[in-house]
Amino acid sequence: MNKKQDIVAISLHQTDSNIKESVNKTPQELKLACRIKDVAGSRDLYIYNGIDKYILYTLLKELE
């Protein structure tokens, strides 16, 4: 009933077409989503669009 699982080593290689595509892509311009000013701690928190939700959650918990 129990199946033995195999561990398989893999390696990833970029092909020439992938390299050309990644060079042509321009990074997205950062756009400020909100700014939180902590008056008690005299800190500013700048949050930009595209932030990972787990990072945002952690930052907001630190302000409590």
PDB file of N, CA and C in Angstrom:
ATOM      1  N   MET A   1       0.807  -1.196   0.000  1.00  0.00           N
ATOM      2  CA  MET A   1       0.000   0.000   0.000  1.00  0.00           C
ATOM      3  C   MET A   1       0.856   1.268   0.000  1.00  0.00           C
ATOM      4  N   ASN A   2       1.906   1.287   0.785  1.00  0.00           N
ATOM      5  CA  ASN A   2       2.763   2.470   0.814  1.00  0.00           C
ATOM      6  C   ASN A   2       3.698   2.451  -0.384  1.00  0.00           C
ATOM      7  N   LYS A   3       3.708   3.562  -1.083  1.00  0.00           N
ATOM      8  CA  LYS A   3       4.599   3.677  -2.228  1.00  0.00           C
ATOM      9  C   LYS A   3       5.875   4.375  -1.795  1.00  0.00           C
ATOM     10  N   LYS A   4       6.984   3.854  -2.227  1.00  0.00           N
ATOM     11  CA  LYS A   4       8.257   4.485  -1.937  1.00  0.00           C
ATOM     12  C   LYS A   4       8.459   5.654  -2.893  1.00  0.00           C
ATOM     13  N   GLN A   5       8.750   6.809  -2.323  1.00  0.00           N
ATOM     14  CA  GLN A   5       8.949   7.994  -3.155  1.00  0.00           C
ATOM     15  C   GLN A   5      10.417   8.135  -3.501  1.00  0.00           C
ATOM     16  N   ASP A   6      10.669   8.508  -4.733  1.00  0.00           N
ATOM     17  CA  ASP A   6      12.030   8.695  -5.203  1.00  0.00           C
ATOM     18  C   ASP A   6      12.400  10.170  -5.164  1.00  0.00           C
ATOM     19  N   ILE A   7      13.629  10.452  -4.858  1.00  0.00           N
ATOM     20  CA  ILE A   7      14.169  11.806  -4.934  1.00  0.00           C
ATOM     21  C   ILE A   7      15.022  11.865  -6.190  1.00  0.00           C
ATOM     22  N   VAL A   8      14.665  12.797  -7.068  1.00  0.00           N
ATOM     23  CA  VAL A   8      15.347  12.899  -8.352  1.00  0.00           C
ATOM     24  C   VAL A   8      16.024  14.258  -8.435  1.00  0.00           C
ATOM     25  N   ALA A   9      17.289  14.261  -8.741  1.00  0.00           N
ATOM     26  CA  ALA A   9      18.022  15.514  -8.907  1.00  0.00           C
ATOM     27  C   ALA A   9      17.719  16.100 -10.283  1.00  0.00           C
ATOM     28  N   ILE A  10      17.471  17.393 -10.336  1.00  0.00           N
ATOM     29  CA  ILE A  10      17.228  18.072 -11.603  1.00  0.00           C
ATOM     30  C   ILE A  10      18.102  19.313 -11.675  1.00  0.00           C
ATOM     31  N   SER A  11      18.318  19.800 -12.859  1.00  0.00           N
ATOM     32  CA  SER A  11      19.011  21.067 -13.038  1.00  0.00           C
ATOM     33  C   SER A  11      18.310  21.827 -14.156  1.00  0.00           C
ATOM     34  N   LEU A  12      18.240  23.142 -14.002  1.00  0.00           N
ATOM     35  CA  LEU A  12      17.564  23.992 -14.980  1.00  0.00           C
ATOM     36  C   LEU A  12      18.602  24.787 -15.758  1.00  0.00           C
ATOM     37  N   HIS A  13      18.412  24.863 -17.043  1.00  0.00           N
ATOM     38  CA  HIS A  13      19.324  25.600 -17.906  1.00  0.00           C
ATOM     39  C   HIS A  13      18.518  26.578 -18.745  1.00  0.00           C
ATOM     40  N   GLN A  14      19.038  27.791 -18.896  1.00  0.00           N
ATOM     41  CA  GLN A  14      18.387  28.778 -19.748  1.00  0.00           C
ATOM     42  C   GLN A  14      18.804  28.548 -21.190  1.00  0.00           C
ATOM     43  N   THR A  15      17.810  28.555 -22.070  1.00  0.00           N
ATOM     44  CA  THR A  15      18.116  28.454 -23.487  1.00  0.00           C
ATOM     45  C   THR A  15      18.368  29.851 -24.031  1.00  0.00           C
ATOM     46  N   ASP A  16      18.905  29.923 -25.226  1.00  0.00           N
ATOM     47  CA  ASP A  16      19.197  31.222 -25.829  1.00  0.00           C
ATOM     48  C   ASP A  16      17.946  32.065 -25.996  1.00  0.00           C
ATOM     49  N   SER A  17      16.808  31.456 -26.333  1.00  0.00           N
ATOM     50  CA  SER A  17      15.578  32.217 -26.521  1.00  0.00           C
ATOM     51  C   SER A  17      15.101  32.808 -25.204  1.00  0.00           C
ATOM     52  N   ASN A  18      15.262  32.081 -24.087  1.00  0.00           N
ATOM     53  CA  ASN A  18      14.867  32.603 -22.784  1.00  0.00           C
ATOM     54  C   ASN A  18      15.740  33.781 -22.365  1.00  0.00           C
ATOM     55  N   ILE A  19      17.019  33.724 -22.684  1.00  0.00           N
ATOM     56  CA  ILE A  19      17.923  34.811 -22.343  1.00  0.00           C
ATOM     57  C   ILE A  19      17.539  36.072 -23.110  1.00  0.00           C
ATOM     58  N   LYS A  20      17.230  35.934 -24.395  1.00  0.00           N
ATOM     59  CA  LYS A  20      16.841  37.092 -25.197  1.00  0.00           C
ATOM     60  C   LYS A  20      15.555  37.712 -24.683  1.00  0.00           C
ATOM     61  N   GLU A  21      14.588  36.891 -24.280  1.00  0.00           N
ATOM     62  CA  GLU A  21      13.321  37.408 -23.761  1.00  0.00           C
ATOM     63  C   GLU A  21      13.524  38.150 -22.450  1.00  0.00           C
ATOM     64  N   SER A  22      14.380  37.623 -21.564  1.00  0.00           N
ATOM     65  CA  SER A  22      14.587  38.260 -20.269  1.00  0.00           C
ATOM     66  C   SER A  22      15.350  39.575 -20.411  1.00  0.00           C
ATOM     67  N   VAL A  23      16.212  39.700 -21.435  1.00  0.00           N
ATOM     68  CA  VAL A  23      16.953  40.939 -21.655  1.00  0.00           C
ATOM     69  C   VAL A  23      16.024  42.018 -22.190  1.00  0.00           C
ATOM     70  N   ASN A  24      15.075  41.645 -23.045  1.00  0.00           N
ATOM     71  CA  ASN A  24      14.177  42.621 -23.653  1.00  0.00           C
ATOM     72  C   ASN A  24      13.108  43.128 -22.699  1.00  0.00           C
ATOM     73  N   LYS A  25      12.817  42.408 -21.639  1.00  0.00           N
ATOM     74  CA  LYS A  25      11.782  42.827 -20.699  1.00  0.00           C
ATOM     75  C   LYS A  25      12.292  43.990 -19.865  1.00  0.00           C
ATOM     76  N   THR A  26      11.474  45.006 -19.740  1.00  0.00           N
ATOM     77  CA  THR A  26      11.831  46.119 -18.875  1.00  0.00           C
ATOM     78  C   THR A  26      11.128  45.918 -17.539  1.00  0.00           C
ATOM     79  N   PRO A  27      11.809  46.197 -16.455  1.00  0.00           N
ATOM     80  CA  PRO A  27      11.164  46.025 -15.153  1.00  0.00           C
ATOM     81  C   PRO A  27      10.023  47.028 -14.995  1.00  0.00           C
ATOM     82  N   GLN A  28       9.010  46.595 -14.272  1.00  0.00           N
ATOM     83  CA  GLN A  28       7.873  47.473 -14.063  1.00  0.00           C
ATOM     84  C   GLN A  28       8.278  48.618 -13.146  1.00  0.00           C
ATOM     85  N   GLU A  29       7.736  49.774 -13.439  1.00  0.00           N
ATOM     86  CA  GLU A  29       8.017  50.936 -12.616  1.00  0.00           C
ATOM     87  C   GLU A  29       7.314  50.767 -11.273  1.00  0.00           C
ATOM     88  N   LEU A  30       8.030  51.065 -10.198  1.00  0.00           N
ATOM     89  CA  LEU A  30       7.437  50.950  -8.881  1.00  0.00           C
ATOM     90  C   LEU A  30       6.364  52.009  -8.694  1.00  0.00           C
ATOM     91  N   LYS A  31       5.198  51.575  -8.210  1.00  0.00           N
ATOM     92  CA  LYS A  31       4.109  52.495  -7.976  1.00  0.00           C
ATOM     93  C   LYS A  31       3.718  52.400  -6.509  1.00  0.00           C
ATOM     94  N   LEU A  32       3.776  53.511  -5.826  1.00  0.00           N
ATOM     95  CA  LEU A  32       3.477  53.554  -4.407  1.00  0.00           C
ATOM     96  C   LEU A  32       1.998  53.277  -4.186  1.00  0.00           C
ATOM     97  N   ALA A  33       1.704  52.269  -3.374  1.00  0.00           N
ATOM     98  CA  ALA A  33       0.317  51.918  -3.068  1.00  0.00           C
ATOM     99  C   ALA A  33      -0.160  52.688  -1.838  1.00  0.00           C
ATOM    100  N   CYS A  34       0.685  52.763  -0.816  1.00  0.00           N
ATOM    101  CA  CYS A  34       0.313  53.550   0.366  1.00  0.00           C
ATOM    102  C   CYS A  34       1.540  53.869   1.191  1.00  0.00           C
ATOM    103  N   ARG A  35       1.384  54.858   2.048  1.00  0.00           N
ATOM    104  CA  ARG A  35       2.447  55.272   2.963  1.00  0.00           C
ATOM    105  C   ARG A  35       1.841  55.315   4.353  1.00  0.00           C
ATOM    106  N   ILE A  36       2.472  54.640   5.283  1.00  0.00           N
ATOM    107  CA  ILE A  36       1.984  54.623   6.665  1.00  0.00           C
ATOM    108  C   ILE A  36       3.020  55.328   7.520  1.00  0.00           C
ATOM    109  N   LYS A  37       2.561  56.323   8.254  1.00  0.00           N
ATOM    110  CA  LYS A  37       3.465  57.083   9.119  1.00  0.00           C
ATOM    111  C   LYS A  37       3.193  56.687  10.558  1.00  0.00           C
ATOM    112  N   ASP A  38       4.222  56.163  11.215  1.00  0.00           N
ATOM    113  CA  ASP A  38       4.133  55.774  12.615  1.00  0.00           C
ATOM    114  C   ASP A  38       4.632  56.955  13.443  1.00  0.00           C
ATOM    115  N   VAL A  39       3.691  57.691  14.030  1.00  0.00           N
ATOM    116  CA  VAL A  39       4.050  58.899  14.763  1.00  0.00           C
ATOM    117  C   VAL A  39       4.804  58.557  16.047  1.00  0.00           C
ATOM    118  N   ALA A  40       4.375  57.492  16.741  1.00  0.00           N
ATOM    119  CA  ALA A  40       5.006  57.128  18.009  1.00  0.00           C
ATOM    120  C   ALA A  40       6.459  56.713  17.817  1.00  0.00           C
ATOM    121  N   GLY A  41       6.730  55.949  16.786  1.00  0.00           N
ATOM    122  CA  GLY A  41       8.088  55.466  16.548  1.00  0.00           C
ATOM    123  C   GLY A  41       8.848  56.300  15.551  1.00  0.00           C
ATOM    124  N   SER A  42       8.222  57.343  15.052  1.00  0.00           N
ATOM    125  CA  SER A  42       8.772  58.222  14.014  1.00  0.00           C
ATOM    126  C   SER A  42       9.363  57.418  12.852  1.00  0.00           C
ATOM    127  N   ARG A  43       8.555  56.484  12.333  1.00  0.00           N
ATOM    128  CA  ARG A  43       8.961  55.657  11.187  1.00  0.00           C
ATOM    129  C   ARG A  43       7.970  55.857  10.059  1.00  0.00           C
ATOM    130  N   ASP A  44       8.447  55.720   8.841  1.00  0.00           N
ATOM    131  CA  ASP A  44       7.598  55.743   7.656  1.00  0.00           C
ATOM    132  C   ASP A  44       7.684  54.392   6.977  1.00  0.00           C
ATOM    133  N   LEU A  45       6.534  53.886   6.554  1.00  0.00           N
ATOM    134  CA  LEU A  45       6.476  52.607   5.852  1.00  0.00           C
ATOM    135  C   LEU A  45       5.875  52.865   4.478  1.00  0.00           C
ATOM    136  N   TYR A  46       6.643  52.607   3.441  1.00  0.00           N
ATOM    137  CA  TYR A  46       6.189  52.773   2.070  1.00  0.00           C
ATOM    138  C   TYR A  46       5.863  51.400   1.505  1.00  0.00           C
ATOM    139  N   ILE A  47       4.646  51.230   1.012  1.00  0.00           N
ATOM    140  CA  ILE A  47       4.216  49.952   0.447  1.00  0.00           C
ATOM    141  C   ILE A  47       3.930  50.170  -1.032  1.00  0.00           C
ATOM    142  N   TYR A  48       4.559  49.347  -1.865  1.00  0.00           N
ATOM    143  CA  TYR A  48       4.422  49.466  -3.307  1.00  0.00           C
ATOM    144  C   TYR A  48       3.549  48.351  -3.862  1.00  0.00           C
ATOM    145  N   ASN A  49       2.916  48.617  -4.995  1.00  0.00           N
ATOM    146  CA  ASN A  49       2.100  47.596  -5.656  1.00  0.00           C
ATOM    147  C   ASN A  49       2.961  46.387  -5.976  1.00  0.00           C
ATOM    148  N   GLY A  50       2.377  45.203  -5.833  1.00  0.00           N
ATOM    149  CA  GLY A  50       3.077  43.971  -6.133  1.00  0.00           C
ATOM    150  C   GLY A  50       3.781  43.357  -4.935  1.00  0.00           C
ATOM    151  N   ILE A  51       3.624  43.948  -3.746  1.00  0.00           N
ATOM    152  CA  ILE A  51       4.277  43.386  -2.567  1.00  0.00           C
ATOM    153  C   ILE A  51       3.658  42.029  -2.256  1.00  0.00           C
ATOM    154  N   ASP A  52       4.476  41.117  -1.805  1.00  0.00           N
ATOM    155  CA  ASP A  52       4.006  39.793  -1.415  1.00  0.00           C
ATOM    156  C   ASP A  52       3.109  39.933  -0.187  1.00  0.00           C
ATOM    157  N   LYS A  53       1.987  39.226  -0.177  1.00  0.00           N
ATOM    158  CA  LYS A  53       1.017  39.396   0.905  1.00  0.00           C
ATOM    159  C   LYS A  53       1.582  38.966   2.254  1.00  0.00           C
ATOM    160  N   TYR A  54       2.492  38.015   2.271  1.00  0.00           N
ATOM    161  CA  TYR A  54       3.082  37.570   3.535  1.00  0.00           C
ATOM    162  C   TYR A  54       4.036  38.620   4.101  1.00  0.00           C
ATOM    163  N   ILE A  55       4.752  39.301   3.237  1.00  0.00           N
ATOM    164  CA  ILE A  55       5.634  40.379   3.677  1.00  0.00           C
ATOM    165  C   ILE A  55       4.802  41.537   4.209  1.00  0.00           C
ATOM    166  N   LEU A  56       3.727  41.860   3.496  1.00  0.00           N
ATOM    167  CA  LEU A  56       2.846  42.934   3.945  1.00  0.00           C
ATOM    168  C   LEU A  56       2.252  42.611   5.309  1.00  0.00           C
ATOM    169  N   TYR A  57       1.791  41.387   5.484  1.00  0.00           N
ATOM    170  CA  TYR A  57       1.219  40.969   6.765  1.00  0.00           C
ATOM    171  C   TYR A  57       2.241  41.108   7.886  1.00  0.00           C
ATOM    172  N   THR A  58       3.474  40.709   7.635  1.00  0.00           N
ATOM    173  CA  THR A  58       4.526  40.809   8.639  1.00  0.00           C
ATOM    174  C   THR A  58       4.828  42.259   8.992  1.00  0.00           C
ATOM    175  N   LEU A  59       4.892  43.123   7.989  1.00  0.00           N
ATOM    176  CA  LEU A  59       5.157  44.537   8.241  1.00  0.00           C
ATOM    177  C   LEU A  59       4.053  45.173   9.076  1.00  0.00           C
ATOM    178  N   LEU A  60       2.826  44.845   8.760  1.00  0.00           N
ATOM    179  CA  LEU A  60       1.710  45.426   9.499  1.00  0.00           C
ATOM    180  C   LEU A  60       1.649  44.903  10.930  1.00  0.00           C
ATOM    181  N   LYS A  61       2.026  43.640  11.135  1.00  0.00           N
ATOM    182  CA  LYS A  61       2.077  43.106  12.493  1.00  0.00           C
ATOM    183  C   LYS A  61       3.149  43.790  13.325  1.00  0.00           C
ATOM    184  N   GLU A  62       4.260  44.183  12.690  1.00  0.00           N
ATOM    185  CA  GLU A  62       5.342  44.850  13.401  1.00  0.00           C
ATOM    186  C   GLU A  62       4.933  46.240  13.859  1.00  0.00           C
ATOM    187  N   LEU A  63       3.961  46.843  13.211  1.00  0.00           N
ATOM    188  CA  LEU A  63       3.507  48.173  13.607  1.00  0.00           C
ATOM    189  C   LEU A  63       2.601  48.151  14.830  1.00  0.00           C
ATOM    190  N   GLU A  64       2.067  46.995  15.163  1.00  0.00           N
ATOM    191  CA  GLU A  64       1.166  46.905  16.334  1.00  0.00           C
ATOM    192  C   GLU A  64       1.888  47.129  17.621  1.00  0.00           C
TER     193      GLU A  64
END
